[in-house]
Amino acid sequence: MENNTSKQTKLHVKKGDTVMVIAGNAKGKTGVIKQVIIEKSRAIVEGANLQTKHVKPSASNPQGGIEKREGSIHISNLMVVENGKPVRTGRKVNEQGKLQRYSKVTGKFIA
């Protein structure tokens, strides 16, 4: 039997971060994270990993057609961008005594 107690996991990326894709078909592209899927350790990045989706005609969209949508990317293939360059991140205790992400290149905290 599966245990349904969910343990909160801390990831190196979160919604709103500007990230660069470092592996896969979308390698080298940068974008803002729209959504993070914690259960699958994946994120949807704006403008990266575009996939074609055939849409049936409906009441709201009577024409139907083909849409381009962003697919999810595993978070291990993403790096946070700081000053236009991808940086590695870590966790450090801040002035308030809380763990906060920081850039390993500059040593500055990431909001």
PDB file of N, CA and C in Angstrom:
ATOM      1  N   MET A   1       0.839  -1.199   0.000  1.00  0.00           N
ATOM      2  CA  MET A   1       0.000   0.000   0.000  1.00  0.00           C
ATOM      3  C   MET A   1       0.875   1.251   0.000  1.00  0.00           C
ATOM      4  N   GLU A   2       0.368   2.266  -0.691  1.00  0.00           N
ATOM      5  CA  GLU A   2       1.100   3.525  -0.735  1.00  0.00           C
ATOM      6  C   GLU A   2       0.752   4.380   0.469  1.00  0.00           C
ATOM      7  N   ASN A   3       1.736   5.103   0.938  1.00  0.00           N
ATOM      8  CA  ASN A   3       1.516   6.028   2.038  1.00  0.00           C
ATOM      9  C   ASN A   3       1.155   7.391   1.450  1.00  0.00           C
ATOM     10  N   ASN A   4       0.005   7.925   1.808  1.00  0.00           N
ATOM     11  CA  ASN A   4      -0.472   9.174   1.212  1.00  0.00           C
ATOM     12  C   ASN A   4       0.024  10.424   1.922  1.00  0.00           C
ATOM     13  N   THR A   5       0.895  10.285   2.919  1.00  0.00           N
ATOM     14  CA  THR A   5       1.441  11.477   3.562  1.00  0.00           C
ATOM     15  C   THR A   5       2.475  12.085   2.636  1.00  0.00           C
ATOM     16  N   SER A   6       2.243  13.322   2.223  1.00  0.00           N
ATOM     17  CA  SER A   6       3.153  13.962   1.279  1.00  0.00           C
ATOM     18  C   SER A   6       4.197  14.764   2.037  1.00  0.00           C
ATOM     19  N   LYS A   7       5.453  14.498   1.730  1.00  0.00           N
ATOM     20  CA  LYS A   7       6.551  15.222   2.342  1.00  0.00           C
ATOM     21  C   LYS A   7       6.865  16.411   1.443  1.00  0.00           C
ATOM     22  N   GLN A   8       6.955  17.582   2.045  1.00  0.00           N
ATOM     23  CA  GLN A   8       7.239  18.771   1.254  1.00  0.00           C
ATOM     24  C   GLN A   8       8.680  18.726   0.778  1.00  0.00           C
ATOM     25  N   THR A   9       8.863  18.846  -0.529  1.00  0.00           N
ATOM     26  CA  THR A   9      10.205  18.810  -1.088  1.00  0.00           C
ATOM     27  C   THR A   9      10.625  20.207  -1.520  1.00  0.00           C
ATOM     28  N   LYS A  10      11.880  20.530  -1.253  1.00  0.00           N
ATOM     29  CA  LYS A  10      12.423  21.821  -1.657  1.00  0.00           C
ATOM     30  C   LYS A  10      13.164  21.618  -2.972  1.00  0.00           C
ATOM     31  N   LEU A  11      12.830  22.430  -3.946  1.00  0.00           N
ATOM     32  CA  LEU A  11      13.469  22.343  -5.256  1.00  0.00           C
ATOM     33  C   LEU A  11      14.350  23.566  -5.463  1.00  0.00           C
ATOM     34  N   HIS A  12      15.265  23.489  -6.416  1.00  0.00           N
ATOM     35  CA  HIS A  12      16.150  24.626  -6.683  1.00  0.00           C
ATOM     36  C   HIS A  12      15.495  25.668  -7.592  1.00  0.00           C
ATOM     37  N   VAL A  13      14.282  25.374  -8.082  1.00  0.00           N
ATOM     38  CA  VAL A  13      13.549  26.330  -8.912  1.00  0.00           C
ATOM     39  C   VAL A  13      12.144  26.497  -8.363  1.00  0.00           C
ATOM     40  N   LYS A  14      11.531  27.646  -8.661  1.00  0.00           N
ATOM     41  CA  LYS A  14      10.137  27.846  -8.287  1.00  0.00           C
ATOM     42  C   LYS A  14       9.452  28.732  -9.316  1.00  0.00           C
ATOM     43  N   LYS A  15       8.134  28.802  -9.237  1.00  0.00           N
ATOM     44  CA  LYS A  15       7.336  29.568 -10.186  1.00  0.00           C
ATOM     45  C   LYS A  15       7.797  31.026 -10.206  1.00  0.00           C
ATOM     46  N   GLY A  16       7.978  31.557 -11.417  1.00  0.00           N
ATOM     47  CA  GLY A  16       8.413  32.947 -11.554  1.00  0.00           C
ATOM     48  C   GLY A  16       9.905  33.108 -11.768  1.00  0.00           C
ATOM     49  N   ASP A  17      10.688  32.053 -11.540  1.00  0.00           N
ATOM     50  CA  ASP A  17      12.136  32.115 -11.760  1.00  0.00           C
ATOM     51  C   ASP A  17      12.437  32.170 -13.255  1.00  0.00           C
ATOM     52  N   THR A  18      13.481  32.893 -13.622  1.00  0.00           N
ATOM     53  CA  THR A  18      13.987  32.846 -14.992  1.00  0.00           C
ATOM     54  C   THR A  18      15.026  31.739 -15.033  1.00  0.00           C
ATOM     55  N   VAL A  19      14.821  30.783 -15.943  1.00  0.00           N
ATOM     56  CA  VAL A  19      15.703  29.621 -15.998  1.00  0.00           C
ATOM     57  C   VAL A  19      16.213  29.397 -17.410  1.00  0.00           C
ATOM     58  N   MET A  20      17.306  28.633 -17.512  1.00  0.00           N
ATOM     59  CA  MET A  20      17.845  28.222 -18.799  1.00  0.00           C
ATOM     60  C   MET A  20      17.773  26.702 -18.862  1.00  0.00           C
ATOM     61  N   VAL A  21      17.376  26.190 -20.044  1.00  0.00           N
ATOM     62  CA  VAL A  21      17.334  24.748 -20.261  1.00  0.00           C
ATOM     63  C   VAL A  21      18.743  24.311 -20.625  1.00  0.00           C
ATOM     64  N   ILE A  22      19.287  23.331 -19.874  1.00  0.00           N
ATOM     65  CA  ILE A  22      20.679  22.921 -20.094  1.00  0.00           C
ATOM     66  C   ILE A  22      20.801  21.575 -20.788  1.00  0.00           C
ATOM     67  N   ALA A  23      19.658  20.893 -21.052  1.00  0.00           N
ATOM     68  CA  ALA A  23      19.710  19.601 -21.742  1.00  0.00           C
ATOM     69  C   ALA A  23      18.395  19.354 -22.457  1.00  0.00           C
ATOM     70  N   GLY A  24      18.445  18.555 -23.512  1.00  0.00           N
ATOM     71  CA  GLY A  24      17.236  18.198 -24.245  1.00  0.00           C
ATOM     72  C   GLY A  24      17.086  19.003 -25.527  1.00  0.00           C
ATOM     73  N   ASN A  25      15.908  18.859 -26.163  1.00  0.00           N
ATOM     74  CA  ASN A  25      15.666  19.540 -27.439  1.00  0.00           C
ATOM     75  C   ASN A  25      15.635  21.055 -27.305  1.00  0.00           C
ATOM     76  N   ALA A  26      15.237  21.560 -26.155  1.00  0.00           N
ATOM     77  CA  ALA A  26      15.131  23.008 -25.945  1.00  0.00           C
ATOM     78  C   ALA A  26      16.396  23.585 -25.312  1.00  0.00           C
ATOM     79  N   LYS A  27      17.523  22.874 -25.412  1.00  0.00           N
ATOM     80  CA  LYS A  27      18.771  23.302 -24.783  1.00  0.00           C
ATOM     81  C   LYS A  27      19.159  24.710 -25.213  1.00  0.00           C
ATOM     82  N   GLY A  28      19.537  25.539 -24.225  1.00  0.00           N
ATOM     83  CA  GLY A  28      19.973  26.898 -24.508  1.00  0.00           C
ATOM     84  C   GLY A  28      18.882  27.943 -24.417  1.00  0.00           C
ATOM     85  N   LYS A  29      17.617  27.520 -24.406  1.00  0.00           N
ATOM     86  CA  LYS A  29      16.523  28.486 -24.332  1.00  0.00           C
ATOM     87  C   LYS A  29      16.325  28.957 -22.893  1.00  0.00           C
ATOM     88  N   THR A  30      15.946  30.231 -22.752  1.00  0.00           N
ATOM     89  CA  THR A  30      15.628  30.765 -21.429  1.00  0.00           C
ATOM     90  C   THR A  30      14.177  31.168 -21.403  1.00  0.00           C
ATOM     91  N   GLY A  31      13.596  31.132 -20.215  1.00  0.00           N
ATOM     92  CA  GLY A  31      12.204  31.519 -20.050  1.00  0.00           C
ATOM     93  C   GLY A  31      11.836  31.547 -18.584  1.00  0.00           C
ATOM     94  N   VAL A  32      10.614  32.003 -18.330  1.00  0.00           N
ATOM     95  CA  VAL A  32      10.100  32.101 -16.969  1.00  0.00           C
ATOM     96  C   VAL A  32       9.273  30.857 -16.672  1.00  0.00           C
ATOM     97  N   ILE A  33       9.409  30.321 -15.473  1.00  0.00           N
ATOM     98  CA  ILE A  33       8.648  29.138 -15.085  1.00  0.00           C
ATOM     99  C   ILE A  33       7.196  29.538 -14.838  1.00  0.00           C
ATOM    100  N   LYS A  34       6.271  28.882 -15.571  1.00  0.00           N
ATOM    101  CA  LYS A  34       4.841  29.131 -15.411  1.00  0.00           C
ATOM    102  C   LYS A  34       4.251  28.284 -14.295  1.00  0.00           C
ATOM    103  N   GLN A  35       4.737  27.033 -14.192  1.00  0.00           N
ATOM    104  CA  GLN A  35       4.158  26.091 -13.239  1.00  0.00           C
ATOM    105  C   GLN A  35       5.203  25.049 -12.867  1.00  0.00           C
ATOM    106  N   VAL A  36       5.176  24.607 -11.602  1.00  0.00           N
ATOM    107  CA  VAL A  36       6.051  23.534 -11.151  1.00  0.00           C
ATOM    108  C   VAL A  36       5.178  22.372 -10.709  1.00  0.00           C
ATOM    109  N   ILE A  37       5.448  21.182 -11.257  1.00  0.00           N
ATOM    110  CA  ILE A  37       4.711  19.974 -10.888  1.00  0.00           C
ATOM    111  C   ILE A  37       5.608  19.205  -9.921  1.00  0.00           C
ATOM    112  N   ILE A  38       5.374  19.390  -8.610  1.00  0.00           N
ATOM    113  CA  ILE A  38       6.261  18.860  -7.585  1.00  0.00           C
ATOM    114  C   ILE A  38       6.270  17.334  -7.577  1.00  0.00           C
ATOM    115  N   GLU A  39       5.099  16.706  -7.765  1.00  0.00           N
ATOM    116  CA  GLU A  39       5.006  15.242  -7.693  1.00  0.00           C
ATOM    117  C   GLU A  39       5.895  14.565  -8.730  1.00  0.00           C
ATOM    118  N   LYS A  40       6.026  15.180  -9.905  1.00  0.00           N
ATOM    119  CA  LYS A  40       6.807  14.590 -10.989  1.00  0.00           C
ATOM    120  C   LYS A  40       8.178  15.246 -11.155  1.00  0.00           C
ATOM    121  N   SER A  41       8.496  16.238 -10.322  1.00  0.00           N
ATOM    122  CA  SER A  41       9.750  17.011 -10.417  1.00  0.00           C
ATOM    123  C   SER A  41       9.927  17.601 -11.807  1.00  0.00           C
ATOM    124  N   ARG A  42       8.878  18.214 -12.323  1.00  0.00           N
ATOM    125  CA  ARG A  42       8.907  18.815 -13.652  1.00  0.00           C
ATOM    126  C   ARG A  42       8.401  20.255 -13.578  1.00  0.00           C
ATOM    127  N   ALA A  43       8.746  21.050 -14.590  1.00  0.00           N
ATOM    128  CA  ALA A  43       8.312  22.439 -14.647  1.00  0.00           C
ATOM    129  C   ALA A  43       7.930  22.790 -16.081  1.00  0.00           C
ATOM    130  N   ILE A  44       6.989  23.727 -16.217  1.00  0.00           N
ATOM    131  CA  ILE A  44       6.600  24.228 -17.533  1.00  0.00           C
ATOM    132  C   ILE A  44       7.238  25.607 -17.699  1.00  0.00           C
ATOM    133  N   VAL A  45       8.102  25.720 -18.720  1.00  0.00           N
ATOM    134  CA  VAL A  45       8.852  26.953 -18.963  1.00  0.00           C
ATOM    135  C   VAL A  45       8.273  27.645 -20.187  1.00  0.00           C
ATOM    136  N   GLU A  46       8.042  28.943 -20.052  1.00  0.00           N
ATOM    137  CA  GLU A  46       7.460  29.751 -21.123  1.00  0.00           C
ATOM    138  C   GLU A  46       8.381  29.750 -22.344  1.00  0.00           C
ATOM    139  N   GLY A  47       7.850  29.325 -23.492  1.00  0.00           N
ATOM    140  CA  GLY A  47       8.593  29.370 -24.749  1.00  0.00           C
ATOM    141  C   GLY A  47       9.558  28.220 -24.984  1.00  0.00           C
ATOM    142  N   ALA A  48       9.652  27.271 -24.060  1.00  0.00           N
ATOM    143  CA  ALA A  48      10.577  26.143 -24.230  1.00  0.00           C
ATOM    144  C   ALA A  48       9.796  24.840 -24.340  1.00  0.00           C
ATOM    145  N   ASN A  49      10.344  23.882 -25.072  1.00  0.00           N
ATOM    146  CA  ASN A  49       9.744  22.562 -25.259  1.00  0.00           C
ATOM    147  C   ASN A  49       8.325  22.658 -25.827  1.00  0.00           C
ATOM    148  N   LEU A  50       8.175  23.386 -26.952  1.00  0.00           N
ATOM    149  CA  LEU A  50       6.866  23.545 -27.580  1.00  0.00           C
ATOM    150  C   LEU A  50       6.430  22.246 -28.243  1.00  0.00           C
ATOM    151  N   GLN A  51       5.176  21.878 -28.044  1.00  0.00           N
ATOM    152  CA  GLN A  51       4.610  20.668 -28.615  1.00  0.00           C
ATOM    153  C   GLN A  51       3.344  21.017 -29.376  1.00  0.00           C
ATOM    154  N   THR A  52       3.054  20.280 -30.445  1.00  0.00           N
ATOM    155  CA  THR A  52       1.841  20.541 -31.236  1.00  0.00           C
ATOM    156  C   THR A  52       0.700  19.721 -30.677  1.00  0.00           C
ATOM    157  N   LYS A  53      -0.452  20.370 -30.514  1.00  0.00           N
ATOM    158  CA  LYS A  53      -1.637  19.710 -29.961  1.00  0.00           C
ATOM    159  C   LYS A  53      -2.798  19.939 -30.921  1.00  0.00           C
ATOM    160  N   HIS A  54      -3.425  18.847 -31.373  1.00  0.00           N
ATOM    161  CA  HIS A  54      -4.593  18.970 -32.242  1.00  0.00           C
ATOM    162  C   HIS A  54      -5.828  19.157 -31.373  1.00  0.00           C
ATOM    163  N   VAL A  55      -6.569  20.238 -31.633  1.00  0.00           N
ATOM    164  CA  VAL A  55      -7.711  20.584 -30.798  1.00  0.00           C
ATOM    165  C   VAL A  55      -9.002  20.374 -31.580  1.00  0.00           C
ATOM    166  N   LYS A  56      -9.913  19.626 -30.975  1.00  0.00           N
ATOM    167  CA  LYS A  56     -11.219  19.383 -31.609  1.00  0.00           C
ATOM    168  C   LYS A  56     -12.058  20.651 -31.572  1.00  0.00           C
ATOM    169  N   PRO A  57     -12.929  20.845 -32.553  1.00  0.00           N
ATOM    170  CA  PRO A  57     -13.837  21.990 -32.488  1.00  0.00           C
ATOM    171  C   PRO A  57     -14.781  21.857 -31.285  1.00  0.00           C
ATOM    172  N   SER A  58     -15.038  22.975 -30.617  1.00  0.00           N
ATOM    173  CA  SER A  58     -15.947  22.987 -29.471  1.00  0.00           C
ATOM    174  C   SER A  58     -16.774  24.264 -29.527  1.00  0.00           C
ATOM    175  N   ALA A  59     -17.633  24.463 -28.561  1.00  0.00           N
ATOM    176  CA  ALA A  59     -18.482  25.663 -28.522  1.00  0.00           C
ATOM    177  C   ALA A  59     -17.632  26.916 -28.366  1.00  0.00           C
ATOM    178  N   SER A  60     -16.613  26.842 -27.512  1.00  0.00           N
ATOM    179  CA  SER A  60     -15.756  28.014 -27.298  1.00  0.00           C
ATOM    180  C   SER A  60     -14.770  28.220 -28.449  1.00  0.00           C
ATOM    181  N   ASN A  61     -14.402  27.134 -29.133  1.00  0.00           N
ATOM    182  CA  ASN A  61     -13.474  27.210 -30.258  1.00  0.00           C
ATOM    183  C   ASN A  61     -14.072  26.420 -31.431  1.00  0.00           C
ATOM    184  N   PRO A  62     -15.034  27.026 -32.187  1.00  0.00           N
ATOM    185  CA  PRO A  62     -15.731  26.282 -33.232  1.00  0.00           C
ATOM    186  C   PRO A  62     -14.823  25.855 -34.392  1.00  0.00           C
ATOM    187  N   GLN A  63     -13.710  26.536 -34.589  1.00  0.00           N
ATOM    188  CA  GLN A  63     -12.810  26.223 -35.698  1.00  0.00           C
ATOM    189  C   GLN A  63     -11.948  24.993 -35.410  1.00  0.00           C
ATOM    190  N   GLY A  64     -11.543  24.822 -34.134  1.00  0.00           N
ATOM    191  CA  GLY A  64     -10.601  23.754 -33.816  1.00  0.00           C
ATOM    192  C   GLY A  64      -9.228  24.135 -34.329  1.00  0.00           C
ATOM    193  N   GLY A  65      -8.394  23.165 -34.656  1.00  0.00           N
ATOM    194  CA  GLY A  65      -7.105  23.468 -35.268  1.00  0.00           C
ATOM    195  C   GLY A  65      -5.936  22.872 -34.522  1.00  0.00           C
ATOM    196  N   ILE A  66      -4.760  23.418 -34.810  1.00  0.00           N
ATOM    197  CA  ILE A  66      -3.515  22.929 -34.224  1.00  0.00           C
ATOM    198  C   ILE A  66      -2.932  24.044 -33.360  1.00  0.00           C
ATOM    199  N   GLU A  67      -2.611  23.715 -32.101  1.00  0.00           N
ATOM    200  CA  GLU A  67      -2.044  24.682 -31.160  1.00  0.00           C
ATOM    201  C   GLU A  67      -0.636  24.265 -30.776  1.00  0.00           C
ATOM    202  N   LYS A  68       0.180  25.249 -30.466  1.00  0.00           N
ATOM    203  CA  LYS A  68       1.511  24.988 -29.910  1.00  0.00           C
ATOM    204  C   LYS A  68       1.405  25.225 -28.403  1.00  0.00           C
ATOM    205  N   ARG A  69       1.846  24.234 -27.619  1.00  0.00           N
ATOM    206  CA  ARG A  69       1.799  24.340 -26.159  1.00  0.00           C
ATOM    207  C   ARG A  69       3.157  23.986 -25.584  1.00  0.00           C
ATOM    208  N   GLU A  70       3.440  24.558 -24.410  1.00  0.00           N
ATOM    209  CA  GLU A  70       4.684  24.219 -23.722  1.00  0.00           C
ATOM    210  C   GLU A  70       4.511  22.884 -23.006  1.00  0.00           C
ATOM    211  N   GLY A  71       5.487  21.997 -23.187  1.00  0.00           N
ATOM    212  CA  GLY A  71       5.500  20.738 -22.464  1.00  0.00           C
ATOM    213  C   GLY A  71       6.352  20.887 -21.218  1.00  0.00           C
ATOM    214  N   SER A  72       6.239  19.933 -20.308  1.00  0.00           N
ATOM    215  CA  SER A  72       7.012  20.018 -19.072  1.00  0.00           C
ATOM    216  C   SER A  72       8.450  19.535 -19.304  1.00  0.00           C
ATOM    217  N   ILE A  73       9.359  20.063 -18.490  1.00  0.00           N
ATOM    218  CA  ILE A  73      10.782  19.716 -18.553  1.00  0.00           C
ATOM    219  C   ILE A  73      11.202  19.289 -17.151  1.00  0.00           C
ATOM    220  N   HIS A  74      12.004  18.245 -17.053  1.00  0.00           N
ATOM    221  CA  HIS A  74      12.459  17.804 -15.736  1.00  0.00           C
ATOM    222  C   HIS A  74      13.342  18.882 -15.126  1.00  0.00           C
ATOM    223  N   ILE A  75      13.181  19.116 -13.807  1.00  0.00           N
ATOM    224  CA  ILE A  75      13.893  20.232 -13.180  1.00  0.00           C
ATOM    225  C   ILE A  75      15.406  20.039 -13.138  1.00  0.00           C
ATOM    226  N   SER A  76      15.873  18.790 -13.312  1.00  0.00           N
ATOM    227  CA  SER A  76      17.325  18.585 -13.340  1.00  0.00           C
ATOM    228  C   SER A  76      17.930  19.183 -14.605  1.00  0.00           C
ATOM    229  N   ASN A  77      17.095  19.477 -15.603  1.00  0.00           N
ATOM    230  CA  ASN A  77      17.568  20.064 -16.855  1.00  0.00           C
ATOM    231  C   ASN A  77      17.425  21.582 -16.869  1.00  0.00           C
ATOM    232  N   LEU A  78      17.165  22.196 -15.715  1.00  0.00           N
ATOM    233  CA  LEU A  78      16.979  23.645 -15.616  1.00  0.00           C
ATOM    234  C   LEU A  78      17.994  24.244 -14.653  1.00  0.00           C
ATOM    235  N   MET A  79      18.487  25.449 -14.995  1.00  0.00           N
ATOM    236  CA  MET A  79      19.356  26.203 -14.092  1.00  0.00           C
ATOM    237  C   MET A  79      18.819  27.621 -13.968  1.00  0.00           C
ATOM    238  N   VAL A  80      18.857  28.156 -12.763  1.00  0.00           N
ATOM    239  CA  VAL A  80      18.401  29.520 -12.511  1.00  0.00           C
ATOM    240  C   VAL A  80      19.364  30.494 -13.193  1.00  0.00           C
ATOM    241  N   VAL A  81      18.802  31.535 -13.835  1.00  0.00           N
ATOM    242  CA  VAL A  81      19.613  32.534 -14.532  1.00  0.00           C
ATOM    243  C   VAL A  81      19.753  33.772 -13.650  1.00  0.00           C
ATOM    244  N   GLU A  82      21.001  34.235 -13.514  1.00  0.00           N
ATOM    245  CA  GLU A  82      21.275  35.459 -12.764  1.00  0.00           C
ATOM    246  C   GLU A  82      22.222  36.313 -13.610  1.00  0.00           C
ATOM    247  N   ASN A  83      21.850  37.548 -13.868  1.00  0.00           N
ATOM    248  CA  ASN A  83      22.632  38.464 -14.717  1.00  0.00           C
ATOM    249  C   ASN A  83      22.906  37.866 -16.096  1.00  0.00           C
ATOM    250  N   GLY A  84      21.927  37.145 -16.646  1.00  0.00           N
ATOM    251  CA  GLY A  84      22.040  36.584 -17.986  1.00  0.00           C
ATOM    252  C   GLY A  84      22.812  35.289 -18.084  1.00  0.00           C
ATOM    253  N   LYS A  85      23.338  34.775 -16.959  1.00  0.00           N
ATOM    254  CA  LYS A  85      24.113  33.532 -16.984  1.00  0.00           C
ATOM    255  C   LYS A  85      23.492  32.511 -16.041  1.00  0.00           C
ATOM    256  N   PRO A  86      23.517  31.226 -16.435  1.00  0.00           N
ATOM    257  CA  PRO A  86      23.001  30.191 -15.527  1.00  0.00           C
ATOM    258  C   PRO A  86      23.945  30.008 -14.344  1.00  0.00           C
ATOM    259  N   VAL A  87      23.374  29.886 -13.141  1.00  0.00           N
ATOM    260  CA  VAL A  87      24.185  29.720 -11.931  1.00  0.00           C
ATOM    261  C   VAL A  87      23.702  28.518 -11.133  1.00  0.00           C
ATOM    262  N   ARG A  88      24.644  27.886 -10.421  1.00  0.00           N
ATOM    263  CA  ARG A  88      24.268  26.830  -9.494  1.00  0.00           C
ATOM    264  C   ARG A  88      23.731  27.475  -8.227  1.00  0.00           C
ATOM    265  N   THR A  89      22.814  26.797  -7.577  1.00  0.00           N
ATOM    266  CA  THR A  89      22.225  27.356  -6.370  1.00  0.00           C
ATOM    267  C   THR A  89      22.447  26.415  -5.197  1.00  0.00           C
ATOM    268  N   GLY A  90      22.400  26.985  -4.013  1.00  0.00           N
ATOM    269  CA  GLY A  90      22.508  26.226  -2.780  1.00  0.00           C
ATOM    270  C   GLY A  90      21.553  26.827  -1.764  1.00  0.00           C
ATOM    271  N   ARG A  91      21.623  26.337  -0.541  1.00  0.00           N
ATOM    272  CA  ARG A  91      20.793  26.879   0.538  1.00  0.00           C
ATOM    273  C   ARG A  91      21.689  27.326   1.674  1.00  0.00           C
ATOM    274  N   LYS A  92      21.372  28.521   2.199  1.00  0.00           N
ATOM    275  CA  LYS A  92      22.159  29.104   3.273  1.00  0.00           C
ATOM    276  C   LYS A  92      21.195  29.760   4.249  1.00  0.00           C
ATOM    277  N   VAL A  93      21.576  29.836   5.510  1.00  0.00           N
ATOM    278  CA  VAL A  93      20.741  30.486   6.522  1.00  0.00           C
ATOM    279  C   VAL A  93      20.896  32.002   6.364  1.00  0.00           C
ATOM    280  N   ASN A  94      19.752  32.717   6.267  1.00  0.00           N
ATOM    281  CA  ASN A  94      19.801  34.175   6.109  1.00  0.00           C
ATOM    282  C   ASN A  94      19.777  34.867   7.469  1.00  0.00           C
ATOM    283  N   GLU A  95      19.640  36.195   7.477  1.00  0.00           N
ATOM    284  CA  GLU A  95      19.685  36.986   8.713  1.00  0.00           C
ATOM    285  C   GLU A  95      18.546  36.626   9.678  1.00  0.00           C
ATOM    286  N   GLN A  96      17.409  36.201   9.121  1.00  0.00           N
ATOM    287  CA  GLN A  96      16.256  35.845   9.958  1.00  0.00           C
ATOM    288  C   GLN A  96      16.345  34.403  10.478  1.00  0.00           C
ATOM    289  N   GLY A  97      17.395  33.676  10.115  1.00  0.00           N
ATOM    290  CA  GLY A  97      17.563  32.304  10.572  1.00  0.00           C
ATOM    291  C   GLY A  97      16.829  31.279   9.726  1.00  0.00           C
ATOM    292  N   LYS A  98      16.362  31.688   8.528  1.00  0.00           N
ATOM    293  CA  LYS A  98      15.652  30.762   7.633  1.00  0.00           C
ATOM    294  C   LYS A  98      16.568  30.341   6.498  1.00  0.00           C
ATOM    295  N   LEU A  99      16.331  29.127   5.983  1.00  0.00           N
ATOM    296  CA  LEU A  99      17.082  28.661   4.825  1.00  0.00           C
ATOM    297  C   LEU A  99      16.584  29.387   3.580  1.00  0.00           C
ATOM    298  N   GLN A 100      17.499  29.911   2.796  1.00  0.00           N
ATOM    299  CA  GLN A 100      17.127  30.623   1.585  1.00  0.00           C
ATOM    300  C   GLN A 100      18.093  30.243   0.470  1.00  0.00           C
ATOM    301  N   ARG A 101      17.585  30.253  -0.772  1.00  0.00           N
ATOM    302  CA  ARG A 101      18.430  29.924  -1.913  1.00  0.00           C
ATOM    303  C   ARG A 101      19.446  31.039  -2.150  1.00  0.00           C
ATOM    304  N   TYR A 102      20.652  30.633  -2.586  1.00  0.00           N
ATOM    305  CA  TYR A 102      21.663  31.628  -2.937  1.00  0.00           C
ATOM    306  C   TYR A 102      22.442  31.160  -4.148  1.00  0.00           C
ATOM    307  N   SER A 103      23.052  32.116  -4.828  1.00  0.00           N
ATOM    308  CA  SER A 103      23.850  31.815  -6.012  1.00  0.00           C
ATOM    309  C   SER A 103      25.252  31.415  -5.554  1.00  0.00           C
ATOM    310  N   LYS A 104      25.743  30.282  -6.064  1.00  0.00           N
ATOM    311  CA  LYS A 104      27.078  29.831  -5.689  1.00  0.00           C
ATOM    312  C   LYS A 104      28.171  30.618  -6.411  1.00  0.00           C
ATOM    313  N   VAL A 105      27.782  31.392  -7.439  1.00  0.00           N
ATOM    314  CA  VAL A 105      28.758  32.199  -8.180  1.00  0.00           C
ATOM    315  C   VAL A 105      29.006  33.508  -7.450  1.00  0.00           C
ATOM    316  N   THR A 106      27.920  34.238  -7.127  1.00  0.00           N
ATOM    317  CA  THR A 106      28.068  35.556  -6.495  1.00  0.00           C
ATOM    318  C   THR A 106      27.943  35.499  -4.983  1.00  0.00           C
ATOM    319  N   GLY A 107      27.288  34.459  -4.464  1.00  0.00           N
ATOM    320  CA  GLY A 107      27.070  34.352  -3.016  1.00  0.00           C
ATOM    321  C   GLY A 107      25.860  35.141  -2.547  1.00  0.00           C
ATOM    322  N   LYS A 108      25.152  35.802  -3.477  1.00  0.00           N
ATOM    323  CA  LYS A 108      23.971  36.607  -3.114  1.00  0.00           C
ATOM    324  C   LYS A 108      22.738  35.726  -3.009  1.00  0.00           C
ATOM    325  N   PHE A 109      21.805  36.150  -2.151  1.00  0.00           N
ATOM    326  CA  PHE A 109      20.554  35.412  -1.986  1.00  0.00           C
ATOM    327  C   PHE A 109      19.648  35.626  -3.200  1.00  0.00           C
ATOM    328  N   ILE A 110      18.897  34.589  -3.569  1.00  0.00           N
ATOM    329  CA  ILE A 110      17.938  34.646  -4.672  1.00  0.00           C
ATOM    330  C   ILE A 110      16.553  34.794  -4.071  1.00  0.00           C
ATOM    331  N   ALA A 111      15.807  35.783  -4.538  1.00  0.00           N
ATOM    332  CA  ALA A 111      14.476  36.063  -3.974  1.00  0.00           C
ATOM    333  C   ALA A 111      13.509  34.927  -4.180  1.00  0.00           C
TER     334      ALA A 111
END
